[in-house]
Amino acid sequence: METNTIDIIKSSGKKVKFSLDKLKNSLKRIGADQKTVNQIINTVRDELYQGISTKEIYNRAFGLLKKKKSYLASKYKLKKAIYELGPTGYPFERFISSILQYSGFKTEVNKILHGQCVTHEIDIIAHKHNKTTIIECKFHNEKGLNCNVKIPLYINSRYNDVKTHWNANSKNKTTLTEGWVVTNTRFTEDAIQYGKCVNLYLLSWDYPKNDGLKDRIDRLGLYPVTVSTLLTNREKQFLLSRDIVLCRQLIGDVFYLDHLGILETRKHKILNEIKMLCNH
């Protein structure tokens, strides 16, 4: 059976044709060598059937990567790892704030700002070069839930209310110039069109093209601690509760691993996996 005739079921329930190239590209993107790519492609190809879910394909590829090199499996599970930042949106906000800090912004999280009409709780305020950006994060812990046009519509009205008050206040040393909406899923076409029209910056898993969340995380090596294949869920939740959201933060502060009572040999393996991740 030709692979391009196989229908696969996405998490949204949508049926699409299986693409061997898409799987190859996702494996190459994480840095898997040609031999590993070929082995995974051959195994997955042999196990395809009509109506297979993307989750089953992912699980198979993830299992094979984990046997070979755990840090590659960690990179491969990035999308899933971001869902694991839930169930609340707070760790996701901290994660986005940390990414911005590594891009040269000074950030504040969960602040109340005055608008011209009402006050607003803002997820992230980011400052850089005498300019200020306010960022709203929309976290979904279920796959297939996209951000429709209502979200940027609502956030743009809040942004304009805050902007009018901020820029009229002589006490503020910066100018409020931009509003962002960040989601861990995707935006609908209407949402993207509206964002472009009103100059609201939209950032999602794969938008803007080649500069979405996944691209920024890979480029900067800023992986959430939830990507680790060696930490347990309990250990990850403990770290998130202490505002340790990035793997990179653990390299600089192994105290948290000691606090969890992790034995030296296992701690060495965890730190080794994290260093491999952050350096690639």
Protein backbone atom coordinates (compact mmCIF):
# COMPACT_ATOMS: atom_id res chain seq x y z
CA MET A 1 0.00 0.00 0.00
CA GLU A 2 1.32 3.49 -0.94
CA THR A 3 1.87 5.62 2.19
CA ASN A 4 0.29 8.69 0.57
CA THR A 5 -3.03 6.84 0.32
CA ILE A 6 -3.21 6.26 4.09
CA ASP A 7 -5.67 8.44 6.01
CA ILE A 8 -4.53 9.50 9.47
CA ILE A 9 -6.67 11.09 12.19
CA LYS A 10 -5.39 14.29 13.83
CA SER A 11 -6.13 15.21 17.47
CA SER A 12 -8.86 17.60 16.24
CA GLY A 13 -10.61 14.61 14.61
CA LYS A 14 -9.73 15.86 11.12
CA LYS A 15 -8.73 13.24 8.54
CA VAL A 16 -5.60 13.97 6.45
CA LYS A 17 -3.29 11.99 4.16
CA PHE A 18 -0.15 10.60 5.79
CA SER A 19 3.01 12.44 4.71
CA LEU A 20 6.33 10.61 4.91
CA ASP A 21 8.14 13.90 4.21
CA LYS A 22 6.46 15.59 7.17
CA LEU A 23 7.66 12.82 9.50
CA LYS A 24 11.17 12.94 7.98
CA ASN A 25 11.33 16.72 8.42
CA SER A 26 10.18 16.56 12.05
CA LEU A 27 12.96 14.04 12.78
CA LYS A 28 15.60 16.07 10.93
CA ARG A 29 14.50 19.25 12.73
CA ILE A 30 15.40 17.75 16.11
CA GLY A 31 18.85 16.72 14.84
CA ALA A 32 18.38 12.97 14.29
CA ASP A 33 21.06 11.51 12.00
CA GLN A 34 20.16 9.88 8.67
CA LYS A 35 20.51 6.32 10.00
CA THR A 36 18.09 7.03 12.87
CA VAL A 37 15.66 8.81 10.52
CA ASN A 38 15.67 5.82 8.12
CA GLN A 39 15.13 3.28 10.93
CA ILE A 40 12.15 5.21 12.33
CA ILE A 41 10.66 5.83 8.86
CA ASN A 42 10.90 2.11 8.00
CA THR A 43 9.36 1.00 11.30
CA VAL A 44 6.49 3.50 11.15
CA ARG A 45 5.84 2.72 7.46
CA ASP A 46 5.51 -1.02 8.28
CA GLU A 47 2.94 -0.30 11.00
CA LEU A 48 0.67 2.13 9.13
CA TYR A 49 -3.00 1.31 8.63
CA GLN A 50 -6.08 3.24 7.48
CA GLY A 51 -7.34 5.56 10.23
CA ILE A 52 -4.21 5.43 12.42
CA SER A 53 -4.04 8.42 14.77
CA THR A 54 -1.22 10.97 14.76
CA LYS A 55 -0.82 10.09 18.46
CA GLU A 56 0.02 6.45 17.61
CA ILE A 57 2.57 7.53 14.99
CA TYR A 58 4.09 9.99 17.47
CA ASN A 59 4.27 7.36 20.26
CA ARG A 60 6.06 4.91 17.96
CA ALA A 61 8.65 7.47 16.81
CA PHE A 62 9.09 8.78 20.38
CA GLY A 63 9.68 5.25 21.75
CA LEU A 64 12.36 4.53 19.13
CA LEU A 65 14.10 7.87 19.75
CA LYS A 66 14.08 7.32 23.52
CA LYS A 67 15.93 4.01 23.07
CA LYS A 68 18.58 5.71 20.94
CA LYS A 69 19.18 9.15 22.44
CA SER A 70 16.95 10.48 25.21
CA TYR A 71 17.68 14.15 24.45
CA LEU A 72 16.34 13.67 20.90
CA ALA A 73 13.17 12.13 22.35
CA SER A 74 12.92 15.21 24.60
CA LYS A 75 13.11 17.54 21.61
CA TYR A 76 10.58 15.43 19.74
CA LYS A 77 8.04 15.70 22.59
CA LEU A 78 8.26 19.51 22.75
CA LYS A 79 4.64 20.12 21.72
CA LYS A 80 3.36 17.59 24.27
CA ALA A 81 5.70 19.05 26.91
CA ILE A 82 4.12 22.48 26.51
CA TYR A 83 0.66 20.96 27.14
CA GLU A 84 2.19 19.45 30.30
CA LEU A 85 2.84 22.97 31.62
CA GLY A 86 -0.90 22.96 32.54
CA PRO A 87 -3.51 22.43 33.78
CA THR A 88 -3.50 26.18 34.64
CA GLY A 89 -1.99 28.76 32.30
CA TYR A 90 0.38 30.17 34.93
CA PRO A 91 3.49 28.03 34.17
CA PHE A 92 2.98 28.78 30.45
CA GLU A 93 3.04 32.52 31.24
CA ARG A 94 6.28 32.03 33.22
CA PHE A 95 7.69 30.04 30.31
CA ILE A 96 6.90 32.77 27.73
CA SER A 97 8.30 35.39 30.13
CA SER A 98 11.56 33.38 30.41
CA ILE A 99 11.87 33.10 26.61
CA LEU A 100 11.47 36.89 26.33
CA GLN A 101 14.10 37.47 29.02
CA TYR A 102 16.61 35.44 26.99
CA SER A 103 15.73 37.68 24.01
CA GLY A 104 16.73 40.80 25.94
CA PHE A 105 13.41 41.88 27.48
CA LYS A 106 12.84 42.80 31.11
CA THR A 107 9.57 41.17 32.11
CA GLU A 108 6.91 41.32 34.81
CA VAL A 109 4.20 38.69 35.23
CA ASN A 110 0.56 39.07 36.32
CA LYS A 111 0.37 42.81 36.89
CA ILE A 112 -2.67 45.05 37.21
CA LEU A 113 -2.55 48.01 34.81
CA HIS A 114 -4.90 50.97 34.57
CA GLY A 115 -6.70 51.58 31.32
CA GLN A 116 -8.51 54.73 30.33
CA CYS A 117 -11.82 53.05 31.21
CA VAL A 118 -11.10 50.10 33.56
CA THR A 119 -8.19 48.21 35.16
CA HIS A 120 -6.80 45.06 33.53
CA GLU A 121 -4.82 42.08 34.79
CA ILE A 122 -2.02 41.62 32.25
CA ASP A 123 -0.20 38.28 31.90
CA ILE A 124 3.21 39.68 30.89
CA ILE A 125 4.63 43.20 30.59
CA ALA A 126 7.89 43.28 28.61
CA HIS A 127 10.28 46.24 28.36
CA LYS A 128 13.09 46.76 25.83
CA HIS A 129 14.76 49.89 24.38
CA ASN A 130 12.35 52.36 26.04
CA LYS A 131 9.40 50.48 24.57
CA THR A 132 6.83 48.37 26.39
CA THR A 133 4.80 45.41 25.13
CA ILE A 134 1.83 43.82 26.86
CA ILE A 135 1.31 40.12 26.26
CA GLU A 136 -1.73 37.94 26.86
CA CYS A 137 -1.24 34.16 26.96
CA LYS A 138 -3.95 31.75 25.91
CA PHE A 139 -3.06 28.28 27.16
CA HIS A 140 -5.03 25.22 26.10
CA ASN A 141 -4.33 21.88 27.78
CA GLU A 142 -6.38 19.99 25.19
CA LYS A 143 -5.20 19.40 21.65
CA GLY A 144 -7.32 20.64 18.77
CA LEU A 145 -8.54 23.79 20.59
CA ASN A 146 -7.50 26.72 18.41
CA CYS A 147 -7.77 30.46 19.11
CA ASN A 148 -10.57 32.00 17.07
CA VAL A 149 -11.00 35.67 16.13
CA LYS A 150 -12.87 36.50 19.38
CA ILE A 151 -9.62 36.27 21.37
CA PRO A 152 -7.53 38.87 19.45
CA LEU A 153 -10.67 41.06 19.17
CA TYR A 154 -11.05 41.08 22.96
CA ILE A 155 -7.32 41.48 23.67
CA ASN A 156 -6.94 44.33 21.16
CA SER A 157 -9.65 46.32 22.95
CA ARG A 158 -7.87 45.79 26.29
CA TYR A 159 -4.52 46.76 24.72
CA ASN A 160 -5.95 50.02 23.34
CA ASP A 161 -7.53 50.89 26.70
CA VAL A 162 -4.22 50.35 28.54
CA LYS A 163 -2.18 52.08 25.80
CA THR A 164 -4.25 55.28 25.96
CA HIS A 165 -3.72 55.55 29.74
CA TRP A 166 -0.05 54.41 29.73
CA ASN A 167 1.15 56.82 27.04
CA ALA A 168 -0.70 59.77 28.59
CA ASN A 169 0.96 59.14 31.98
CA SER A 170 4.19 61.18 32.27
CA LYS A 171 5.41 58.90 35.10
CA ASN A 172 5.93 56.05 32.63
CA LYS A 173 9.48 56.09 31.28
CA THR A 174 8.61 53.94 28.25
CA THR A 175 6.11 54.07 25.39
CA LEU A 176 3.57 51.27 25.08
CA THR A 177 3.95 50.29 21.43
CA GLU A 178 2.78 46.69 21.00
CA GLY A 179 0.21 44.15 22.08
CA TRP A 180 0.78 40.39 21.68
CA VAL A 181 -1.36 37.28 21.91
CA VAL A 182 0.55 34.04 22.55
CA THR A 183 -0.98 30.56 22.41
CA ASN A 184 0.42 27.04 22.64
CA THR A 185 -2.00 25.85 19.94
CA ARG A 186 -2.90 27.60 16.66
CA PHE A 187 -4.83 30.64 15.45
CA THR A 188 -7.71 30.39 12.97
CA GLU A 189 -7.32 32.20 9.61
CA ASP A 190 -9.78 34.89 10.78
CA ALA A 191 -7.73 35.50 13.94
CA ILE A 192 -4.52 35.90 11.87
CA GLN A 193 -6.25 38.22 9.41
CA TYR A 194 -7.61 40.40 12.23
CA GLY A 195 -4.21 40.49 13.99
CA LYS A 196 -2.53 41.73 10.79
CA CYS A 197 -5.25 44.32 10.22
CA VAL A 198 -4.95 45.95 13.69
CA ASN A 199 -1.17 45.36 14.15
CA LEU A 200 -1.64 42.93 17.03
CA TYR A 201 1.30 40.51 17.13
CA LEU A 202 0.22 36.85 17.16
CA LEU A 203 2.57 34.07 18.26
CA SER A 204 1.50 30.41 18.20
CA TRP A 205 3.06 26.95 17.95
CA ASP A 206 3.87 27.45 14.25
CA TYR A 207 3.02 31.11 13.52
CA PRO A 208 4.64 33.34 12.26
CA LYS A 209 6.12 30.88 9.77
CA ASN A 210 9.68 29.91 10.77
CA ASP A 211 9.44 32.14 13.87
CA GLY A 212 6.69 30.42 15.86
CA LEU A 213 7.11 29.08 19.40
CA LYS A 214 8.69 25.78 18.29
CA ASP A 215 11.26 27.65 16.13
CA ARG A 216 12.19 30.09 18.91
CA ILE A 217 12.54 27.32 21.50
CA ASP A 218 14.77 25.21 19.21
CA ARG A 219 16.83 28.21 18.11
CA LEU A 220 17.47 29.47 21.64
CA GLY A 221 17.65 26.04 23.32
CA LEU A 222 15.00 27.19 25.81
CA TYR A 223 13.15 23.95 26.53
CA PRO A 224 10.58 23.63 29.32
CA VAL A 225 11.50 21.16 32.12
CA THR A 226 8.49 19.09 31.04
CA VAL A 227 10.42 17.85 27.95
CA SER A 228 12.67 15.69 30.15
CA THR A 229 12.19 11.97 29.61
CA LEU A 230 14.02 11.21 32.87
CA LEU A 231 12.12 13.38 35.38
CA THR A 232 8.86 11.97 36.77
CA ASN A 233 5.59 13.93 36.56
CA ARG A 234 5.76 14.56 40.31
CA GLU A 235 9.28 15.98 39.99
CA LYS A 236 8.25 18.19 37.08
CA GLN A 237 5.27 19.56 39.03
CA PHE A 238 7.54 20.27 42.01
CA LEU A 239 9.94 22.26 39.78
CA LEU A 240 7.09 24.19 38.12
CA SER A 241 5.67 25.07 41.55
CA ARG A 242 9.09 26.61 42.38
CA ASP A 243 9.03 28.66 39.13
CA ILE A 244 11.68 26.45 37.51
CA VAL A 245 10.21 26.32 34.00
CA LEU A 246 13.32 26.06 31.82
CA CYS A 247 15.78 23.17 31.62
CA ARG A 248 18.51 25.82 31.48
CA GLN A 249 17.57 27.00 34.99
CA LEU A 250 18.38 23.54 36.38
CA ILE A 251 21.93 23.58 35.01
CA GLY A 252 22.63 26.67 37.09
CA ASP A 253 20.85 25.43 40.21
CA VAL A 254 21.03 21.69 40.93
CA PHE A 255 19.83 22.45 44.47
CA TYR A 256 16.30 21.61 43.33
CA LEU A 257 17.32 18.11 42.22
CA ASP A 258 19.05 17.60 45.58
CA HIS A 259 15.91 18.84 47.35
CA LEU A 260 13.92 16.16 45.50
CA GLY A 261 16.29 13.53 46.91
CA ILE A 262 17.48 12.41 43.47
CA LEU A 263 20.47 10.07 43.72
CA GLU A 264 23.84 11.14 42.26
CA THR A 265 23.85 8.64 39.35
CA ARG A 266 20.34 9.62 38.26
CA LYS A 267 21.06 13.32 38.80
CA HIS A 268 24.09 12.98 36.51
CA LYS A 269 21.92 11.40 33.78
CA ILE A 270 19.24 14.13 34.11
CA LEU A 271 21.81 16.94 33.93
CA ASN A 272 23.56 15.26 31.00
CA GLU A 273 20.26 15.04 29.08
CA ILE A 274 19.50 18.70 29.84
CA LYS A 275 22.97 19.90 28.78
CA MET A 276 22.68 17.97 25.51
CA LEU A 277 19.30 19.62 24.91
CA CYS A 278 20.43 23.17 25.66
CA ASN A 279 23.62 22.87 23.60
CA HIS A 280 21.96 21.61 20.43
